[in-house]
Amino acid sequence: MKKSFMIKKTLLTISACVLIQFFGFSQFKLGAEFRPRAEFRDGYQTLSKPGEKGVSFITQRTRLNASFKDKNHIESFLSFQDIRTWGQYDLNTTASTVNLYQAWVKFNVIDRLSLKIGRQEFEYDDLKILSNSTWRLQARTHDAALLQWQSTDSSFQIHLAGGVNNGQEELFQAIYSEGGYYKNMGMVWLNKKFKSTELSFLFLDLGQQLADTSINHFKTVGFYGVQKFGNAKLTGSFYLQRGKNQTDQNVQASMAALQLELPISKKSSLTGGFDILSGTSAENLQDPTFNETSTFIPLYARRHRYYGIQDMFYAGGFDVPGGLANYFLKFRHKVNSKLSTAIHAHSFSTRESIFDVENNSITDDKHLGYEIDTFVTYRPYSNMTVSFAYTHFFATESMRILKQRGDEDEIAHFAYLQLSYTPTLFKK
């Protein structure tokens, strides 16, 4: 019954939007996303143990999106999504699987100053702090208000954002402890574009509530830049994290990233670079009197894009206590207007020593292994993409010690085949 009611409610909402646009809205668009993905996992996110077998399954994300803009230039957007693994629910289930992904309204406060309020995606700069994490089925949005200003020529922008979260309506103060989010949030973003240069500044303050209802402020501040040299492009970012985290530790962490993209022909390019994320040594982690952390947390980054598609690091709740050094080389070749291929090579190491739980000792061997990712992407139509990827991780003993499971000699590989189709159902 709940599922039936939710579906009816969703259809009524969309139907109302369609009717409204006929009687007063100047622009209306109804679209969808269908994204089924078949995966084979055997050593994905962690190392397998002898005798463990790989698994195959299919997931699907389905969205219905409605955007509209009225005669006063007020914009609104609604997005409902259903995420599931094929076979997750029996045919007679009454479970509700549809939820609200985005719902926001945007209007001009004064000329060039707008306010966007509601559930929305945050995507900024190199996506290493704020992104929609679109690889994940559920992706990521924020309930927030976003104030946006831009100069007359759009070369300079200022964004201010804020939000306050609660688990439900309350009469008195209660603990908010939803995993992955914050009690309150404040963000400042400045961006300036020049002829061949782009510079950004980001400040993000996450208020994390403790058991006594007090709030610790976990701050991330940093810079992002792009410099073009003809057809070559140099991209870099540097972030610091300060304040206190949700376990009441003092935070002293940093991250630096740099990459250079070079065209080597009309159809091919080569990109090389590194990501260095600070960590906490095993000696300090084992010291009960040590109340600091140097482990950088990439927060809402597109981790799948940057740290290897096998998601060994910064995925599934694993934040790499000793930090990470990721050196990479990426080759991309465009076969034709519809077909492209790529291969990525990563070398991973921790920044600090690792505690070996099994032997109750500390190891200084920081090299964790290599990862090779291969991709084939086919776009038969402008709104359809078929993607195939295969990856293999070559682990070391230190990787096994870090993960505290599995065997470094066991094969660790992963593959997926994904279809993404985003049709426009109606437009006026």
Protein backbone atom coordinates (compact mmCIF):
# COMPACT_ATOMS: atom_id res chain seq x y z
CA MET A 1 0.00 0.00 0.00
CA LYS A 2 2.81 2.43 0.88
CA LYS A 3 4.52 1.86 -2.46
CA SER A 4 1.26 2.30 -4.36
CA PHE A 5 0.54 5.54 -2.48
CA MET A 6 4.04 6.88 -3.15
CA ILE A 7 3.80 6.12 -6.88
CA LYS A 8 0.35 7.76 -7.10
CA LYS A 9 1.64 10.79 -5.21
CA THR A 10 4.63 11.08 -7.53
CA LEU A 11 2.48 10.82 -10.66
CA LEU A 12 0.04 13.39 -9.31
CA THR A 13 2.92 15.79 -8.59
CA ILE A 14 4.33 15.43 -12.09
CA SER A 15 0.86 15.72 -13.61
CA ALA A 16 0.27 18.91 -11.65
CA CYS A 17 3.53 20.32 -12.97
CA VAL A 18 2.44 19.55 -16.54
CA LEU A 19 -0.94 21.25 -16.04
CA ILE A 20 0.65 24.27 -14.39
CA GLN A 21 3.00 24.87 -17.27
CA PHE A 22 0.13 24.89 -19.75
CA PHE A 23 -1.63 27.64 -17.78
CA GLY A 24 1.17 29.96 -16.89
CA PHE A 25 4.75 28.66 -17.19
CA SER A 26 6.78 29.80 -20.16
CA GLN A 27 9.22 26.89 -20.13
CA PHE A 28 8.75 23.30 -19.05
CA LYS A 29 10.81 20.15 -19.52
CA LEU A 30 10.12 16.62 -18.37
CA GLY A 31 13.03 14.20 -18.60
CA ALA A 32 14.19 10.86 -17.26
CA GLU A 33 17.30 8.82 -16.55
CA PHE A 34 17.58 5.06 -16.92
CA ARG A 35 20.90 3.68 -15.68
CA PRO A 36 21.19 -0.10 -15.29
CA ARG A 37 24.69 -1.39 -14.46
CA ALA A 38 25.97 -4.97 -14.44
CA GLU A 39 28.96 -5.54 -12.16
CA PHE A 40 31.39 -8.35 -11.44
CA ARG A 41 33.23 -7.98 -8.14
CA ASP A 42 36.13 -10.14 -7.00
CA GLY A 43 38.37 -8.08 -4.75
CA TYR A 44 36.38 -4.85 -5.08
CA GLN A 45 37.01 -2.35 -2.22
CA THR A 46 38.94 -4.97 -0.27
CA LEU A 47 41.10 -8.07 -0.76
CA SER A 48 39.49 -11.48 -1.02
CA LYS A 49 40.33 -14.48 1.12
CA PRO A 50 41.29 -17.86 -0.34
CA GLY A 51 38.13 -19.71 -1.32
CA GLU A 52 35.96 -16.61 -1.63
CA LYS A 53 34.22 -16.36 -4.99
CA GLY A 54 33.41 -13.28 -7.04
CA VAL A 55 29.85 -12.06 -7.40
CA SER A 56 27.80 -10.72 -10.30
CA PHE A 57 24.69 -8.56 -10.02
CA ILE A 58 22.76 -5.75 -11.73
CA THR A 59 21.72 -2.46 -10.18
CA GLN A 60 19.50 0.25 -11.62
CA ARG A 61 18.87 3.92 -11.01
CA THR A 62 15.74 5.43 -12.53
CA ARG A 63 14.90 9.12 -12.32
CA LEU A 64 12.06 11.36 -13.38
CA ASN A 65 13.09 15.02 -13.69
CA ALA A 66 10.89 18.08 -14.16
CA SER A 67 12.24 21.60 -14.66
CA PHE A 68 10.23 24.75 -15.24
CA LYS A 69 10.71 28.49 -15.50
CA ASP A 70 7.88 31.00 -15.26
CA LYS A 71 7.39 34.44 -16.79
CA ASN A 72 9.16 36.00 -13.78
CA HIS A 73 12.25 33.87 -14.52
CA ILE A 74 11.75 31.81 -11.36
CA GLU A 75 13.28 28.37 -11.92
CA SER A 76 12.24 25.15 -10.20
CA PHE A 77 13.45 21.59 -10.42
CA LEU A 78 12.06 18.27 -9.15
CA SER A 79 13.80 14.90 -9.37
CA PHE A 80 12.46 11.58 -8.07
CA GLN A 81 14.59 8.46 -8.13
CA ASP A 82 14.29 4.73 -7.54
CA ILE A 83 17.45 2.74 -6.82
CA ARG A 84 17.58 -1.03 -6.52
CA THR A 85 19.48 -4.23 -7.14
CA TRP A 86 17.60 -6.49 -9.54
CA GLY A 87 15.77 -9.05 -7.42
CA GLN A 88 16.09 -7.00 -4.23
CA TYR A 89 12.33 -6.80 -3.80
CA ASP A 90 9.86 -9.60 -4.43
CA LEU A 91 7.02 -9.04 -6.88
CA ASN A 92 4.46 -8.56 -4.10
CA THR A 93 6.44 -6.07 -2.01
CA THR A 94 4.70 -3.06 -0.51
CA ALA A 95 7.99 -1.32 0.32
CA SER A 96 8.35 2.25 -0.93
CA THR A 97 11.49 2.63 -3.07
CA VAL A 98 10.89 6.04 -4.68
CA ASN A 99 12.44 9.06 -2.95
CA LEU A 100 13.01 12.75 -3.60
CA TYR A 101 16.48 13.37 -5.02
CA GLN A 102 16.28 17.09 -5.81
CA ALA A 103 13.66 19.77 -5.17
CA TRP A 104 14.68 23.41 -5.40
CA VAL A 105 13.53 26.84 -6.49
CA LYS A 106 15.80 29.60 -7.76
CA PHE A 107 14.90 33.27 -8.14
CA ASN A 108 16.61 36.64 -8.49
CA VAL A 109 16.95 38.70 -5.33
CA ILE A 110 18.36 41.66 -7.27
CA ASP A 111 20.15 41.90 -10.59
CA ARG A 112 22.87 39.19 -10.86
CA LEU A 113 22.12 37.95 -7.32
CA SER A 114 20.01 34.80 -7.04
CA LEU A 115 18.88 32.48 -4.26
CA LYS A 116 18.55 28.73 -4.79
CA ILE A 117 16.85 26.94 -1.92
CA GLY A 118 15.94 23.29 -1.35
CA ARG A 119 17.48 19.88 -1.97
CA GLN A 120 20.25 20.32 -4.54
CA GLU A 121 23.56 19.03 -5.83
CA PHE A 122 26.83 20.78 -4.96
CA GLU A 123 29.59 20.48 -7.57
CA TYR A 124 32.65 22.70 -7.31
CA ASP A 125 36.07 22.93 -8.95
CA ASP A 126 37.93 19.61 -9.24
CA LEU A 127 35.16 17.72 -7.35
CA LYS A 128 37.65 16.63 -4.69
CA ILE A 129 35.66 18.21 -1.85
CA LEU A 130 32.12 18.81 -3.15
CA SER A 131 30.44 16.70 -5.85
CA ASN A 132 27.26 14.77 -6.56
CA SER A 133 29.12 11.41 -6.34
CA THR A 134 27.17 10.21 -9.35
CA TRP A 135 28.86 6.78 -9.49
CA ARG A 136 26.96 5.77 -6.37
CA LEU A 137 23.40 4.63 -7.05
CA GLN A 138 21.92 7.12 -4.59
CA ALA A 139 24.34 9.94 -5.59
CA ARG A 140 24.40 12.91 -3.20
CA THR A 141 22.44 16.08 -2.57
CA HIS A 142 22.29 18.68 0.22
CA ASP A 143 19.34 20.42 1.86
CA ALA A 144 20.58 23.99 1.73
CA ALA A 145 20.16 27.59 0.66
CA LEU A 146 22.63 28.86 -1.94
CA LEU A 147 23.15 32.55 -2.65
CA GLN A 148 24.84 33.15 -6.03
CA TRP A 149 26.30 36.39 -7.39
CA GLN A 150 28.18 36.93 -10.63
CA SER A 151 29.74 39.92 -12.34
CA THR A 152 28.29 41.46 -15.50
CA ASP A 153 30.65 39.48 -17.75
CA SER A 154 30.29 36.30 -15.59
CA SER A 155 34.06 36.15 -15.04
CA PHE A 156 33.76 36.49 -11.25
CA GLN A 157 31.39 34.52 -9.01
CA ILE A 158 30.64 34.37 -5.31
CA HIS A 159 28.57 31.55 -3.78
CA LEU A 160 27.42 31.44 -0.15
CA ALA A 161 25.61 28.35 1.15
CA GLY A 162 24.19 27.19 4.44
CA GLY A 163 21.99 24.49 5.90
CA VAL A 164 20.72 23.03 9.18
CA ASN A 165 19.80 19.35 9.55
CA ASN A 166 17.53 17.47 11.96
CA GLY A 167 16.38 13.87 11.95
CA GLN A 168 12.74 14.98 12.37
CA GLU A 169 10.62 17.77 13.79
CA GLU A 170 11.59 18.33 17.43
CA LEU A 171 10.20 20.12 20.50
CA PHE A 172 13.61 20.35 22.15
CA GLN A 173 17.20 19.91 21.04
CA ALA A 174 18.07 16.33 20.09
CA ILE A 175 21.19 14.64 18.73
CA TYR A 176 21.54 14.56 14.97
CA SER A 177 23.69 11.62 13.95
CA GLU A 178 22.79 10.69 10.38
CA GLY A 179 25.87 9.08 8.86
CA GLY A 180 27.85 11.09 6.34
CA TYR A 181 26.15 14.42 6.93
CA TYR A 182 26.35 17.32 9.38
CA LYS A 183 24.23 19.23 11.87
CA ASN A 184 24.88 22.51 10.09
CA MET A 185 26.96 23.72 7.19
CA GLY A 186 28.39 26.96 5.85
CA MET A 187 30.22 27.39 2.56
CA VAL A 188 31.97 30.25 0.73
CA TRP A 189 33.21 29.85 -2.86
CA LEU A 190 34.97 32.50 -4.95
CA ASN A 191 35.85 31.93 -8.60
CA LYS A 192 37.66 34.18 -11.07
CA LYS A 193 38.22 33.39 -14.75
CA PHE A 194 40.89 35.04 -16.88
CA LYS A 195 41.78 34.43 -20.51
CA SER A 196 43.73 31.22 -19.91
CA THR A 197 43.59 30.95 -16.12
CA GLU A 198 40.94 30.06 -13.55
CA LEU A 199 41.30 30.43 -9.78
CA SER A 200 38.93 29.39 -6.97
CA PHE A 201 38.82 29.67 -3.20
CA LEU A 202 36.70 27.35 -1.07
CA PHE A 203 35.80 27.48 2.61
CA LEU A 204 33.56 24.76 4.03
CA ASP A 205 32.52 24.54 7.68
CA LEU A 206 30.70 21.39 8.81
CA GLY A 207 29.14 21.51 12.27
CA GLN A 208 29.20 17.99 13.73
CA GLN A 209 27.13 17.33 16.83
CA LEU A 210 28.45 15.46 19.86
CA ALA A 211 26.57 13.35 22.39
CA ASP A 212 26.19 16.34 24.75
CA THR A 213 24.53 18.34 21.88
CA SER A 214 27.57 20.63 21.54
CA ILE A 215 28.87 21.17 18.02
CA ASN A 216 32.41 20.75 16.73
CA HIS A 217 33.39 22.70 13.62
CA PHE A 218 35.28 20.71 10.99
CA LYS A 219 36.72 23.20 8.50
CA THR A 220 38.12 22.70 5.00
CA VAL A 221 39.77 25.61 3.22
CA GLY A 222 41.76 25.67 0.01
CA PHE A 223 42.51 26.82 -3.51
CA TYR A 224 41.98 25.40 -6.97
CA GLY A 225 43.56 26.58 -10.21
CA VAL A 226 43.70 25.86 -13.92
CA GLN A 227 46.32 27.18 -16.34
CA LYS A 228 46.13 26.52 -20.07
CA PHE A 229 49.20 26.50 -22.29
CA GLY A 230 47.83 26.22 -25.80
CA ASN A 231 46.17 22.80 -25.88
CA ALA A 232 47.89 21.67 -22.67
CA LYS A 233 46.24 22.15 -19.29
CA LEU A 234 47.75 22.24 -15.79
CA THR A 235 45.32 21.72 -12.89
CA GLY A 236 46.13 21.91 -9.21
CA SER A 237 44.49 22.17 -5.80
CA PHE A 238 45.53 22.47 -2.18
CA TYR A 239 43.28 22.05 0.87
CA LEU A 240 43.73 22.25 4.62
CA GLN A 241 41.45 20.75 7.27
CA ARG A 242 41.31 22.23 10.76
CA GLY A 243 39.02 22.38 13.79
CA LYS A 244 37.60 19.34 15.57
CA ASN A 245 35.90 16.23 14.21
CA GLN A 246 32.93 14.22 15.48
CA THR A 247 35.15 12.15 17.79
CA ASP A 248 36.37 15.40 19.42
CA GLN A 249 39.89 15.17 17.97
CA ASN A 250 41.91 18.18 16.87
CA VAL A 251 42.34 18.12 13.09
CA GLN A 252 45.57 19.06 11.32
CA ALA A 253 45.33 17.60 7.80
CA SER A 254 46.17 18.63 4.25
CA MET A 255 45.86 17.57 0.63
CA ALA A 256 47.71 18.57 -2.54
CA ALA A 257 46.91 17.54 -6.10
CA LEU A 258 48.48 18.35 -9.46
CA GLN A 259 47.94 17.03 -12.97
CA LEU A 260 49.11 17.95 -16.45
CA GLU A 261 47.07 17.04 -19.52
CA LEU A 262 48.93 16.96 -22.85
CA PRO A 263 47.49 16.28 -26.31
CA ILE A 264 49.73 13.86 -28.20
CA SER A 265 47.64 13.80 -31.38
CA LYS A 266 44.28 15.07 -32.63
CA LYS A 267 42.59 12.06 -31.06
CA SER A 268 44.79 11.16 -28.10
CA SER A 269 45.87 12.74 -24.84
CA LEU A 270 48.14 11.84 -21.93
CA THR A 271 47.57 13.01 -18.34
CA GLY A 272 49.94 12.55 -15.44
CA GLY A 273 49.94 13.73 -11.87
CA PHE A 274 49.52 12.97 -8.19
CA ASP A 275 47.21 13.30 -5.20
CA ILE A 276 48.85 13.48 -1.77
CA LEU A 277 46.54 13.20 1.26
CA SER A 278 48.02 13.43 4.75
CA GLY A 279 47.56 10.72 7.37
CA THR A 280 48.18 9.78 10.99
CA SER A 281 51.06 7.48 11.89
CA ALA A 282 50.45 4.07 13.43
CA GLU A 283 52.43 5.14 16.50
CA ASN A 284 50.02 8.00 17.16
CA LEU A 285 46.95 5.93 16.35
CA GLN A 286 48.00 3.38 18.97
CA ASP A 287 48.64 6.04 21.62
CA PRO A 288 45.46 6.46 23.73
CA THR A 289 46.64 9.87 24.95
CA PHE A 290 47.02 11.24 21.43
CA ASN A 291 43.95 13.33 20.63
CA GLU A 292 44.79 14.65 17.17
CA THR A 293 44.34 13.43 13.63
CA SER A 294 46.25 14.28 10.48
CA THR A 295 44.06 12.07 8.29
CA PHE A 296 42.60 14.11 5.45
CA ILE A 297 38.98 13.25 4.60
CA PRO A 298 37.95 13.98 0.98
CA LEU A 299 34.38 14.56 2.22
CA TYR A 300 31.96 14.58 -0.75
CA ALA A 301 34.51 14.02 -3.52
CA ARG A 302 34.15 11.93 -6.64
CA ARG A 303 36.36 9.30 -5.10
CA HIS A 304 35.62 6.72 -7.78
CA ARG A 305 37.01 9.07 -10.42
CA TYR A 306 40.29 9.91 -8.69
CA TYR A 307 41.44 7.03 -6.49
CA GLY A 308 41.01 4.11 -8.86
CA ILE A 309 37.68 2.64 -9.98
CA GLN A 310 38.23 -0.44 -7.81
CA ASP A 311 37.41 1.87 -4.87
CA MET A 312 40.05 0.51 -2.53
CA PHE A 313 40.45 3.91 -0.87
CA TYR A 314 38.02 6.47 0.55
CA ALA A 315 34.99 4.35 -0.32
CA GLY A 316 32.62 2.24 1.74
CA GLY A 317 33.53 4.13 4.91
CA PHE A 318 37.28 3.42 4.61
CA ASP A 319 39.20 6.70 5.04
CA VAL A 320 42.84 5.45 4.96
CA PRO A 321 44.17 6.41 8.44
CA GLY A 322 47.78 6.75 7.25
CA GLY A 323 46.90 8.96 4.29
CA LEU A 324 47.52 8.24 0.62
CA ALA A 325 49.97 9.03 -2.15
CA ASN A 326 48.39 8.37 -5.55
CA TYR A 327 50.62 8.75 -8.61
CA PHE A 328 48.85 8.21 -11.91
CA LEU A 329 49.22 8.22 -15.68
CA LYS A 330 46.15 8.26 -17.94
CA PHE A 331 45.93 7.73 -21.69
CA ARG A 332 42.78 8.51 -23.67
CA HIS A 333 42.11 7.85 -27.35
CA LYS A 334 39.06 8.97 -29.29
CA VAL A 335 38.49 6.38 -32.01
CA ASN A 336 35.71 8.39 -33.66
CA SER A 337 32.85 10.71 -32.70
CA LYS A 338 31.04 7.88 -30.91
CA LEU A 339 33.73 5.57 -29.54
CA SER A 340 36.60 6.30 -27.12
CA THR A 341 38.99 4.21 -25.03
CA ALA A 342 41.21 4.93 -22.03
CA ILE A 343 43.68 3.26 -19.72
CA HIS A 344 44.70 4.52 -16.27
CA ALA A 345 47.67 3.34 -14.21
CA HIS A 346 47.92 4.12 -10.48
CA SER A 347 50.65 3.56 -7.90
CA PHE A 348 49.40 3.76 -4.29
CA SER A 349 51.30 4.22 -1.04
CA THR A 350 50.42 5.34 2.46
CA ARG A 351 52.02 8.49 3.82
CA GLU A 352 52.57 7.05 7.30
CA SER A 353 53.41 3.74 8.97
CA ILE A 354 50.75 1.01 9.29
CA PHE A 355 49.80 -0.99 12.37
CA ASP A 356 49.78 -4.75 11.79
CA VAL A 357 46.92 -6.05 13.95
CA GLU A 358 47.70 -9.70 13.28
CA ASN A 359 51.31 -9.47 14.47
CA ASN A 360 50.83 -6.58 16.91
CA SER A 361 53.59 -4.61 15.22
CA ILE A 362 54.17 -1.58 13.01
CA THR A 363 55.35 -1.80 9.41
CA ASP A 364 57.17 0.97 7.59
CA ASP A 365 56.65 -0.58 4.13
CA LYS A 366 54.25 2.00 2.71
CA HIS A 367 53.75 0.72 -0.84
CA LEU A 368 50.21 -0.65 -1.24
CA GLY A 369 50.13 -1.74 -4.85
CA TYR A 370 49.29 -0.85 -8.44
CA GLU A 371 45.97 -0.55 -10.23
CA ILE A 372 45.31 -0.71 -13.97
CA ASP A 373 41.91 0.56 -15.18
CA THR A 374 40.70 0.13 -18.77
CA PHE A 375 37.64 1.81 -20.30
CA VAL A 376 35.57 1.67 -23.47
CA THR A 377 32.84 4.26 -23.97
CA TYR A 378 30.32 4.23 -26.82
CA ARG A 379 27.79 7.02 -27.46
CA PRO A 380 25.41 5.88 -30.21
CA TYR A 381 23.16 8.89 -29.55
CA SER A 382 23.60 12.22 -27.79
CA ASN A 383 21.44 11.04 -24.86
CA MET A 384 22.73 7.46 -24.59
CA THR A 385 26.08 6.14 -23.34
CA VAL A 386 27.30 2.56 -23.04
CA SER A 387 30.34 2.16 -20.78
CA PHE A 388 32.54 -0.86 -20.10
CA ALA A 389 35.44 -0.95 -17.65
CA TYR A 390 37.79 -3.61 -16.32
CA THR A 391 40.31 -3.09 -13.54
CA HIS A 392 42.94 -5.18 -11.80
CA PHE A 393 44.63 -4.38 -8.49
CA PHE A 394 48.11 -5.76 -7.78
CA ALA A 395 48.31 -5.72 -3.98
CA THR A 396 51.27 -5.87 -1.62
CA GLU A 397 51.56 -7.30 1.89
CA SER A 398 51.11 -3.76 3.26
CA MET A 399 47.76 -3.57 1.50
CA ARG A 400 46.62 -6.69 3.32
CA ILE A 401 47.84 -5.23 6.61
CA LEU A 402 46.01 -1.96 5.90
CA LYS A 403 42.73 -3.70 5.03
CA GLN A 404 43.13 -6.27 7.85
CA ARG A 405 41.68 -9.03 5.67
CA GLY A 406 42.28 -11.09 2.58
CA ASP A 407 45.40 -12.30 0.82
CA GLU A 408 47.61 -10.15 -1.38
CA ASP A 409 48.25 -13.15 -3.65
CA GLU A 410 44.56 -13.60 -4.46
CA ILE A 411 43.34 -12.05 -7.69
CA ALA A 412 41.64 -8.67 -7.19
CA HIS A 413 39.65 -7.47 -10.20
CA PHE A 414 36.40 -5.74 -11.06
CA ALA A 415 34.34 -5.07 -14.19
CA TYR A 416 31.13 -3.30 -15.09
CA LEU A 417 28.90 -2.66 -18.10
CA GLN A 418 26.62 0.35 -17.79
CA LEU A 419 23.89 1.88 -19.95
CA SER A 420 22.87 5.49 -19.37
CA TYR A 421 19.87 6.87 -21.25
CA THR A 422 18.51 10.37 -20.54
CA PRO A 423 15.50 11.03 -22.79
CA THR A 424 13.47 14.22 -22.91
CA LEU A 425 9.86 13.11 -22.45
CA PHE A 426 8.20 16.48 -22.95
CA LYS A 427 9.36 20.04 -23.64
CA LYS A 428 7.55 23.32 -24.19
